[in-house]
Amino acid sequence: MKMVDEDAILRFAQLNAEAIAMNDAALADDLDEARFRAHLIRTAAEEMGLSEVVEAAQDVVVLLRAPGTVPLPDYGHAMLRLARILTPRD
């Protein structure tokens, strides 16, 4: 019988919720909120040891740039990549 780490599942689900909120914020043109969420995802992924998620979230952070600035091109693609990494696969 395989043990289920419920805490890890809940933390991963929270990462997904943050990614959804980040994408919703970007779609609403609230890039400062999207930046905040990207930082949360990166920090939580670092704590969880999820290097692929950390790398993808860092790409989003870099492309969104600092609050109050214009993001670099392709930040949307970076957000999509992060969402795909966080999407459970069968």
PDB file of N, CA and C in Angstrom:
ATOM      1  N   MET A   1       0.836  -1.173   0.000  1.00  0.00           N
ATOM      2  CA  MET A   1       0.000   0.000   0.000  1.00  0.00           C
ATOM      3  C   MET A   1       0.888   1.246   0.000  1.00  0.00           C
ATOM      4  N   LYS A   2       0.618   2.166  -0.892  1.00  0.00           N
ATOM      5  CA  LYS A   2       1.414   3.378  -1.033  1.00  0.00           C
ATOM      6  C   LYS A   2       0.902   4.446  -0.079  1.00  0.00           C
ATOM      7  N   MET A   3       1.849   5.054   0.652  1.00  0.00           N
ATOM      8  CA  MET A   3       1.497   6.133   1.578  1.00  0.00           C
ATOM      9  C   MET A   3       1.282   7.425   0.794  1.00  0.00           C
ATOM     10  N   VAL A   4       0.254   8.153   1.151  1.00  0.00           N
ATOM     11  CA  VAL A   4      -0.055   9.421   0.504  1.00  0.00           C
ATOM     12  C   VAL A   4       0.365  10.550   1.435  1.00  0.00           C
ATOM     13  N   ASP A   5       1.177  11.451   0.913  1.00  0.00           N
ATOM     14  CA  ASP A   5       1.598  12.616   1.687  1.00  0.00           C
ATOM     15  C   ASP A   5       0.570  13.712   1.443  1.00  0.00           C
ATOM     16  N   GLU A   6      -0.440  13.752   2.309  1.00  0.00           N
ATOM     17  CA  GLU A   6      -1.538  14.705   2.132  1.00  0.00           C
ATOM     18  C   GLU A   6      -1.053  16.147   2.194  1.00  0.00           C
ATOM     19  N   ASP A   7      -0.070  16.413   3.024  1.00  0.00           N
ATOM     20  CA  ASP A   7       0.463  17.772   3.130  1.00  0.00           C
ATOM     21  C   ASP A   7       1.091  18.196   1.806  1.00  0.00           C
ATOM     22  N   ALA A   8       1.852  17.310   1.178  1.00  0.00           N
ATOM     23  CA  ALA A   8       2.472  17.623  -0.109  1.00  0.00           C
ATOM     24  C   ALA A   8       1.414  17.852  -1.179  1.00  0.00           C
ATOM     25  N   ILE A   9       0.365  17.057  -1.147  1.00  0.00           N
ATOM     26  CA  ILE A   9      -0.726  17.223  -2.114  1.00  0.00           C
ATOM     27  C   ILE A   9      -1.393  18.584  -1.920  1.00  0.00           C
ATOM     28  N   LEU A  10      -1.631  18.959  -0.686  1.00  0.00           N
ATOM     29  CA  LEU A  10      -2.252  20.256  -0.411  1.00  0.00           C
ATOM     30  C   LEU A  10      -1.348  21.415  -0.819  1.00  0.00           C
ATOM     31  N   ARG A  11      -0.054  21.294  -0.572  1.00  0.00           N
ATOM     32  CA  ARG A  11       0.880  22.352  -0.961  1.00  0.00           C
ATOM     33  C   ARG A  11       0.963  22.475  -2.481  1.00  0.00           C
ATOM     34  N   PHE A  12       0.935  21.338  -3.181  1.00  0.00           N
ATOM     35  CA  PHE A  12       0.964  21.372  -4.636  1.00  0.00           C
ATOM     36  C   PHE A  12      -0.329  21.978  -5.177  1.00  0.00           C
ATOM     37  N   ALA A  13      -1.445  21.651  -4.546  1.00  0.00           N
ATOM     38  CA  ALA A  13      -2.724  22.241  -4.948  1.00  0.00           C
ATOM     39  C   ALA A  13      -2.698  23.751  -4.743  1.00  0.00           C
ATOM     40  N   GLN A  14      -2.049  24.204  -3.679  1.00  0.00           N
ATOM     41  CA  GLN A  14      -1.925  25.645  -3.432  1.00  0.00           C
ATOM     42  C   GLN A  14      -1.097  26.312  -4.524  1.00  0.00           C
ATOM     43  N   LEU A  15      -0.048  25.624  -4.992  1.00  0.00           N
ATOM     44  CA  LEU A  15       0.736  26.162  -6.111  1.00  0.00           C
ATOM     45  C   LEU A  15      -0.152  26.348  -7.338  1.00  0.00           C
ATOM     46  N   ASN A  16      -1.006  25.374  -7.598  1.00  0.00           N
ATOM     47  CA  ASN A  16      -1.927  25.477  -8.727  1.00  0.00           C
ATOM     48  C   ASN A  16      -2.878  26.654  -8.549  1.00  0.00           C
ATOM     49  N   ALA A  17      -3.397  26.830  -7.347  1.00  0.00           N
ATOM     50  CA  ALA A  17      -4.307  27.946  -7.077  1.00  0.00           C
ATOM     51  C   ALA A  17      -3.591  29.281  -7.280  1.00  0.00           C
ATOM     52  N   GLU A  18      -2.348  29.362  -6.856  1.00  0.00           N
ATOM     53  CA  GLU A  18      -1.566  30.598  -7.048  1.00  0.00           C
ATOM     54  C   GLU A  18      -1.322  30.855  -8.535  1.00  0.00           C
ATOM     55  N   ALA A  19      -1.065  29.800  -9.304  1.00  0.00           N
ATOM     56  CA  ALA A  19      -0.845  29.957 -10.746  1.00  0.00           C
ATOM     57  C   ALA A  19      -2.117  30.451 -11.430  1.00  0.00           C
ATOM     58  N   ILE A  20      -3.245  29.925 -11.023  1.00  0.00           N
ATOM     59  CA  ILE A  20      -4.522  30.391 -11.576  1.00  0.00           C
ATOM     60  C   ILE A  20      -4.728  31.867 -11.245  1.00  0.00           C
ATOM     61  N   ALA A  21      -4.470  32.235  -9.994  1.00  0.00           N
ATOM     62  CA  ALA A  21      -4.617  33.635  -9.581  1.00  0.00           C
ATOM     63  C   ALA A  21      -3.637  34.531 -10.337  1.00  0.00           C
ATOM     64  N   MET A  22      -2.418  34.054 -10.561  1.00  0.00           N
ATOM     65  CA  MET A  22      -1.413  34.815 -11.311  1.00  0.00           C
ATOM     66  C   MET A  22      -1.898  35.059 -12.735  1.00  0.00           C
ATOM     67  N   ASN A  23      -2.390  34.013 -13.376  1.00  0.00           N
ATOM     68  CA  ASN A  23      -2.865  34.142 -14.752  1.00  0.00           C
ATOM     69  C   ASN A  23      -4.102  35.030 -14.835  1.00  0.00           C
ATOM     70  N   ASP A  24      -5.016  34.880 -13.882  1.00  0.00           N
ATOM     71  CA  ASP A  24      -6.202  35.740 -13.848  1.00  0.00           C
ATOM     72  C   ASP A  24      -5.810  37.208 -13.690  1.00  0.00           C
ATOM     73  N   ALA A  25      -4.825  37.460 -12.829  1.00  0.00           N
ATOM     74  CA  ALA A  25      -4.365  38.832 -12.622  1.00  0.00           C
ATOM     75  C   ALA A  25      -3.763  39.401 -13.910  1.00  0.00           C
ATOM     76  N   ALA A  26      -2.968  38.599 -14.603  1.00  0.00           N
ATOM     77  CA  ALA A  26      -2.364  39.068 -15.853  1.00  0.00           C
ATOM     78  C   ALA A  26      -3.443  39.367 -16.888  1.00  0.00           C
ATOM     79  N   LEU A  27      -4.449  38.511 -16.961  1.00  0.00           N
ATOM     80  CA  LEU A  27      -5.546  38.736 -17.907  1.00  0.00           C
ATOM     81  C   LEU A  27      -6.329  39.993 -17.565  1.00  0.00           C
ATOM     82  N   ALA A  28      -6.390  40.327 -16.281  1.00  0.00           N
ATOM     83  CA  ALA A  28      -7.084  41.543 -15.836  1.00  0.00           C
ATOM     84  C   ALA A  28      -6.166  42.765 -15.886  1.00  0.00           C
ATOM     85  N   ASP A  29      -4.953  42.580 -16.428  1.00  0.00           N
ATOM     86  CA  ASP A  29      -3.956  43.642 -16.553  1.00  0.00           C
ATOM     87  C   ASP A  29      -3.495  44.162 -15.197  1.00  0.00           C
ATOM     88  N   ASP A  30      -3.531  43.295 -14.196  1.00  0.00           N
ATOM     89  CA  ASP A  30      -3.009  43.621 -12.868  1.00  0.00           C
ATOM     90  C   ASP A  30      -1.654  42.917 -12.735  1.00  0.00           C
ATOM     91  N   LEU A  31      -0.671  43.481 -13.407  1.00  0.00           N
ATOM     92  CA  LEU A  31       0.632  42.817 -13.474  1.00  0.00           C
ATOM     93  C   LEU A  31       1.367  42.813 -12.140  1.00  0.00           C
ATOM     94  N   ASP A  32       1.100  43.794 -11.292  1.00  0.00           N
ATOM     95  CA  ASP A  32       1.736  43.769  -9.973  1.00  0.00           C
ATOM     96  C   ASP A  32       1.232  42.577  -9.159  1.00  0.00           C
ATOM     97  N   GLU A  33      -0.048  42.259  -9.266  1.00  0.00           N
ATOM     98  CA  GLU A  33      -0.583  41.078  -8.593  1.00  0.00           C
ATOM     99  C   GLU A  33       0.001  39.808  -9.205  1.00  0.00           C
ATOM    100  N   ALA A  34       0.138  39.768 -10.515  1.00  0.00           N
ATOM    101  CA  ALA A  34       0.741  38.612 -11.178  1.00  0.00           C
ATOM    102  C   ALA A  34       2.184  38.424 -10.713  1.00  0.00           C
ATOM    103  N   ARG A  35       2.909  39.524 -10.573  1.00  0.00           N
ATOM    104  CA  ARG A  35       4.292  39.453 -10.074  1.00  0.00           C
ATOM    105  C   ARG A  35       4.326  38.872  -8.659  1.00  0.00           C
ATOM    106  N   PHE A  36       3.435  39.356  -7.824  1.00  0.00           N
ATOM    107  CA  PHE A  36       3.348  38.878  -6.441  1.00  0.00           C
ATOM    108  C   PHE A  36       3.107  37.373  -6.415  1.00  0.00           C
ATOM    109  N   ARG A  37       2.158  36.910  -7.214  1.00  0.00           N
ATOM    110  CA  ARG A  37       1.829  35.480  -7.256  1.00  0.00           C
ATOM    111  C   ARG A  37       2.996  34.661  -7.799  1.00  0.00           C
ATOM    112  N   ALA A  38       3.690  35.173  -8.805  1.00  0.00           N
ATOM    113  CA  ALA A  38       4.844  34.455  -9.357  1.00  0.00           C
ATOM    114  C   ALA A  38       5.931  34.284  -8.298  1.00  0.00           C
ATOM    115  N   HIS A  39       6.149  35.333  -7.505  1.00  0.00           N
ATOM    116  CA  HIS A  39       7.123  35.239  -6.406  1.00  0.00           C
ATOM    117  C   HIS A  39       6.675  34.209  -5.369  1.00  0.00           C
ATOM    118  N   LEU A  40       5.392  34.198  -5.045  1.00  0.00           N
ATOM    119  CA  LEU A  40       4.882  33.201  -4.088  1.00  0.00           C
ATOM    120  C   LEU A  40       5.114  31.787  -4.591  1.00  0.00           C
ATOM    121  N   ILE A  41       4.825  31.578  -5.865  1.00  0.00           N
ATOM    122  CA  ILE A  41       4.998  30.242  -6.455  1.00  0.00           C
ATOM    123  C   ILE A  41       6.463  29.838  -6.397  1.00  0.00           C
ATOM    124  N   ARG A  42       7.348  30.734  -6.802  1.00  0.00           N
ATOM    125  CA  ARG A  42       8.773  30.412  -6.782  1.00  0.00           C
ATOM    126  C   ARG A  42       9.253  30.077  -5.379  1.00  0.00           C
ATOM    127  N   THR A  43       8.870  30.883  -4.405  1.00  0.00           N
ATOM    128  CA  THR A  43       9.300  30.653  -3.022  1.00  0.00           C
ATOM    129  C   THR A  43       8.774  29.326  -2.487  1.00  0.00           C
ATOM    130  N   ALA A  44       7.490  29.059  -2.704  1.00  0.00           N
ATOM    131  CA  ALA A  44       6.904  27.801  -2.226  1.00  0.00           C
ATOM    132  C   ALA A  44       7.538  26.606  -2.923  1.00  0.00           C
ATOM    133  N   ALA A  45       7.793  26.725  -4.215  1.00  0.00           N
ATOM    134  CA  ALA A  45       8.410  25.624  -4.961  1.00  0.00           C
ATOM    135  C   ALA A  45       9.830  25.362  -4.461  1.00  0.00           C
ATOM    136  N   GLU A  46      10.548  26.422  -4.115  1.00  0.00           N
ATOM    137  CA  GLU A  46      11.893  26.263  -3.545  1.00  0.00           C
ATOM    138  C   GLU A  46      11.817  25.483  -2.238  1.00  0.00           C
ATOM    139  N   GLU A  47      10.865  25.844  -1.383  1.00  0.00           N
ATOM    140  CA  GLU A  47      10.696  25.161  -0.099  1.00  0.00           C
ATOM    141  C   GLU A  47      10.324  23.692  -0.284  1.00  0.00           C
ATOM    142  N   MET A  48       9.605  23.389  -1.368  1.00  0.00           N
ATOM    143  CA  MET A  48       9.173  22.023  -1.637  1.00  0.00           C
ATOM    144  C   MET A  48      10.214  21.217  -2.422  1.00  0.00           C
ATOM    145  N   GLY A  49      11.267  21.883  -2.890  1.00  0.00           N
ATOM    146  CA  GLY A  49      12.299  21.193  -3.655  1.00  0.00           C
ATOM    147  C   GLY A  49      11.874  20.852  -5.075  1.00  0.00           C
ATOM    148  N   LEU A  50      10.993  21.666  -5.653  1.00  0.00           N
ATOM    149  CA  LEU A  50      10.483  21.424  -7.005  1.00  0.00           C
ATOM    150  C   LEU A  50      11.269  22.283  -7.994  1.00  0.00           C
ATOM    151  N   SER A  51      12.442  21.811  -8.390  1.00  0.00           N
ATOM    152  CA  SER A  51      13.354  22.625  -9.199  1.00  0.00           C
ATOM    153  C   SER A  51      12.764  23.035 -10.544  1.00  0.00           C
ATOM    154  N   GLU A  52      11.997  22.184 -11.191  1.00  0.00           N
ATOM    155  CA  GLU A  52      11.407  22.537 -12.478  1.00  0.00           C
ATOM    156  C   GLU A  52      10.396  23.672 -12.325  1.00  0.00           C
ATOM    157  N   VAL A  53       9.634  23.635 -11.248  1.00  0.00           N
ATOM    158  CA  VAL A  53       8.665  24.695 -10.973  1.00  0.00           C
ATOM    159  C   VAL A  53       9.393  25.984 -10.610  1.00  0.00           C
ATOM    160  N   VAL A  54      10.444  25.879  -9.818  1.00  0.00           N
ATOM    161  CA  VAL A  54      11.249  27.053  -9.450  1.00  0.00           C
ATOM    162  C   VAL A  54      11.774  27.734 -10.709  1.00  0.00           C
ATOM    163  N   GLU A  55      12.331  26.953 -11.620  1.00  0.00           N
ATOM    164  CA  GLU A  55      12.898  27.503 -12.849  1.00  0.00           C
ATOM    165  C   GLU A  55      11.828  28.197 -13.693  1.00  0.00           C
ATOM    166  N   ALA A  56      10.684  27.555 -13.837  1.00  0.00           N
ATOM    167  CA  ALA A  56       9.606  28.142 -14.638  1.00  0.00           C
ATOM    168  C   ALA A  56       9.067  29.411 -13.986  1.00  0.00           C
ATOM    169  N   ALA A  57       8.892  29.392 -12.672  1.00  0.00           N
ATOM    170  CA  ALA A  57       8.403  30.581 -11.965  1.00  0.00           C
ATOM    171  C   ALA A  57       9.425  31.707 -12.041  1.00  0.00           C
ATOM    172  N   GLN A  58      10.706  31.378 -11.959  1.00  0.00           N
ATOM    173  CA  GLN A  58      11.752  32.394 -12.070  1.00  0.00           C
ATOM    174  C   GLN A  58      11.720  33.046 -13.448  1.00  0.00           C
ATOM    175  N   ASP A  59      11.461  32.265 -14.488  1.00  0.00           N
ATOM    176  CA  ASP A  59      11.333  32.833 -15.832  1.00  0.00           C
ATOM    177  C   ASP A  59      10.206  33.861 -15.873  1.00  0.00           C
ATOM    178  N   VAL A  60       9.083  33.544 -15.233  1.00  0.00           N
ATOM    179  CA  VAL A  60       7.951  34.472 -15.191  1.00  0.00           C
ATOM    180  C   VAL A  60       8.353  35.745 -14.453  1.00  0.00           C
ATOM    181  N   VAL A  61       8.997  35.586 -13.311  1.00  0.00           N
ATOM    182  CA  VAL A  61       9.429  36.747 -12.516  1.00  0.00           C
ATOM    183  C   VAL A  61      10.340  37.654 -13.340  1.00  0.00           C
ATOM    184  N   VAL A  62      11.303  37.061 -14.025  1.00  0.00           N
ATOM    185  CA  VAL A  62      12.259  37.841 -14.826  1.00  0.00           C
ATOM    186  C   VAL A  62      11.544  38.577 -15.955  1.00  0.00           C
ATOM    187  N   LEU A  63      10.639  37.894 -16.639  1.00  0.00           N
ATOM    188  CA  LEU A  63       9.954  38.508 -17.779  1.00  0.00           C
ATOM    189  C   LEU A  63       8.927  39.560 -17.359  1.00  0.00           C
ATOM    190  N   LEU A  64       8.324  39.388 -16.192  1.00  0.00           N
ATOM    191  CA  LEU A  64       7.376  40.396 -15.711  1.00  0.00           C
ATOM    192  C   LEU A  64       8.090  41.658 -15.230  1.00  0.00           C
ATOM    193  N   ARG A  65       9.341  41.491 -14.828  1.00  0.00           N
ATOM    194  CA  ARG A  65      10.171  42.592 -14.351  1.00  0.00           C
ATOM    195  C   ARG A  65       9.643  43.174 -13.041  1.00  0.00           C
ATOM    196  N   ALA A  66      10.212  44.278 -12.634  1.00  0.00           N
ATOM    197  CA  ALA A  66       9.880  44.903 -11.344  1.00  0.00           C
ATOM    198  C   ALA A  66       8.499  45.562 -11.395  1.00  0.00           C
ATOM    199  N   PRO A  67       7.851  45.683 -10.231  1.00  0.00           N
ATOM    200  CA  PRO A  67       6.554  46.381 -10.188  1.00  0.00           C
ATOM    201  C   PRO A  67       6.649  47.768 -10.810  1.00  0.00           C
ATOM    202  N   GLY A  68       5.595  48.125 -11.532  1.00  0.00           N
ATOM    203  CA  GLY A  68       5.531  49.431 -12.156  1.00  0.00           C
ATOM    204  C   GLY A  68       6.241  49.538 -13.492  1.00  0.00           C
ATOM    205  N   THR A  69       6.891  48.457 -13.938  1.00  0.00           N
ATOM    206  CA  THR A  69       7.585  48.480 -15.220  1.00  0.00           C
ATOM    207  C   THR A  69       6.777  47.701 -16.259  1.00  0.00           C
ATOM    208  N   VAL A  70       7.159  47.870 -17.502  1.00  0.00           N
ATOM    209  CA  VAL A  70       6.518  47.136 -18.593  1.00  0.00           C
ATOM    210  C   VAL A  70       7.184  45.765 -18.694  1.00  0.00           C
ATOM    211  N   PRO A  71       6.390  44.690 -18.729  1.00  0.00           N
ATOM    212  CA  PRO A  71       6.994  43.362 -18.823  1.00  0.00           C
ATOM    213  C   PRO A  71       7.671  43.136 -20.175  1.00  0.00           C
ATOM    214  N   LEU A  72       8.581  42.204 -20.193  1.00  0.00           N
ATOM    215  CA  LEU A  72       9.258  41.833 -21.428  1.00  0.00           C
ATOM    216  C   LEU A  72       8.347  40.938 -22.266  1.00  0.00           C
ATOM    217  N   PRO A  73       8.580  40.908 -23.578  1.00  0.00           N
ATOM    218  CA  PRO A  73       7.771  40.026 -24.426  1.00  0.00           C
ATOM    219  C   PRO A  73       7.885  38.571 -23.963  1.00  0.00           C
ATOM    220  N   ASP A  74       6.884  37.809 -24.268  1.00  0.00           N
ATOM    221  CA  ASP A  74       6.826  36.361 -23.990  1.00  0.00           C
ATOM    222  C   ASP A  74       6.546  36.012 -22.535  1.00  0.00           C
ATOM    223  N   TYR A  75       6.174  36.990 -21.697  1.00  0.00           N
ATOM    224  CA  TYR A  75       5.835  36.614 -20.326  1.00  0.00           C
ATOM    225  C   TYR A  75       4.620  35.692 -20.310  1.00  0.00           C
ATOM    226  N   GLY A  76       3.724  35.861 -21.268  1.00  0.00           N
ATOM    227  CA  GLY A  76       2.559  34.984 -21.353  1.00  0.00           C
ATOM    228  C   GLY A  76       2.950  33.543 -21.643  1.00  0.00           C
ATOM    229  N   HIS A  77       3.927  33.360 -22.513  1.00  0.00           N
ATOM    230  CA  HIS A  77       4.409  32.012 -22.803  1.00  0.00           C
ATOM    231  C   HIS A  77       5.045  31.383 -21.561  1.00  0.00           C
ATOM    232  N   ALA A  78       5.755  32.189 -20.812  1.00  0.00           N
ATOM    233  CA  ALA A  78       6.381  31.685 -19.581  1.00  0.00           C
ATOM    234  C   ALA A  78       5.311  31.272 -18.570  1.00  0.00           C
ATOM    235  N   MET A  79       4.239  32.050 -18.494  1.00  0.00           N
ATOM    236  CA  MET A  79       3.141  31.704 -17.583  1.00  0.00           C
ATOM    237  C   MET A  79       2.473  30.402 -18.023  1.00  0.00           C
ATOM    238  N   LEU A  80       2.298  30.236 -19.323  1.00  0.00           N
ATOM    239  CA  LEU A  80       1.708  29.010 -19.851  1.00  0.00           C
ATOM    240  C   LEU A  80       2.602  27.814 -19.555  1.00  0.00           C
ATOM    241  N   ARG A  81       3.905  27.977 -19.714  1.00  0.00           N
ATOM    242  CA  ARG A  81       4.851  26.888 -19.393  1.00  0.00           C
ATOM    243  C   ARG A  81       4.729  26.496 -17.920  1.00  0.00           C
ATOM    244  N   LEU A  82       4.656  27.492 -17.045  1.00  0.00           N
ATOM    245  CA  LEU A  82       4.510  27.212 -15.615  1.00  0.00           C
ATOM    246  C   LEU A  82       3.214  26.454 -15.351  1.00  0.00           C
ATOM    247  N   ALA A  83       2.134  26.894 -15.965  1.00  0.00           N
ATOM    248  CA  ALA A  83       0.843  26.218 -15.779  1.00  0.00           C
ATOM    249  C   ALA A  83       0.910  24.774 -16.262  1.00  0.00           C
ATOM    250  N   ARG A  84       1.577  24.532 -17.366  1.00  0.00           N
ATOM    251  CA  ARG A  84       1.698  23.160 -17.886  1.00  0.00           C
ATOM    252  C   ARG A  84       2.505  22.273 -16.955  1.00  0.00           C
ATOM    253  N   ILE A  85       3.543  22.835 -16.367  1.00  0.00           N
ATOM    254  CA  ILE A  85       4.365  22.060 -15.424  1.00  0.00           C
ATOM    255  C   ILE A  85       3.536  21.691 -14.191  1.00  0.00           C
ATOM    256  N   LEU A  86       2.664  22.581 -13.777  1.00  0.00           N
ATOM    257  CA  LEU A  86       1.841  22.340 -12.590  1.00  0.00           C
ATOM    258  C   LEU A  86       0.598  21.476 -12.870  1.00  0.00           C
ATOM    259  N   THR A  87       0.319  21.214 -14.141  1.00  0.00           N
ATOM    260  CA  THR A  87      -0.847  20.419 -14.493  1.00  0.00           C
ATOM    261  C   THR A  87      -0.541  18.935 -14.302  1.00  0.00           C
ATOM    262  N   PRO A  88      -1.334  18.262 -13.487  1.00  0.00           N
ATOM    263  CA  PRO A  88      -1.110  16.828 -13.277  1.00  0.00           C
ATOM    264  C   PRO A  88      -1.256  16.053 -14.583  1.00  0.00           C
ATOM    265  N   ARG A  89      -0.377  15.089 -14.751  1.00  0.00           N
ATOM    266  CA  ARG A  89      -0.418  14.226 -15.933  1.00  0.00           C
ATOM    267  C   ARG A  89      -0.840  12.824 -15.525  1.00  0.00           C
ATOM    268  N   ASP A  90      -1.526  12.177 -16.439  1.00  0.00           N
ATOM    269  CA  ASP A  90      -1.931  10.772 -16.170  1.00  0.00           C
ATOM    270  C   ASP A  90      -0.790   9.823 -16.404  1.00  0.00           C
TER     271      ASP A  90
END
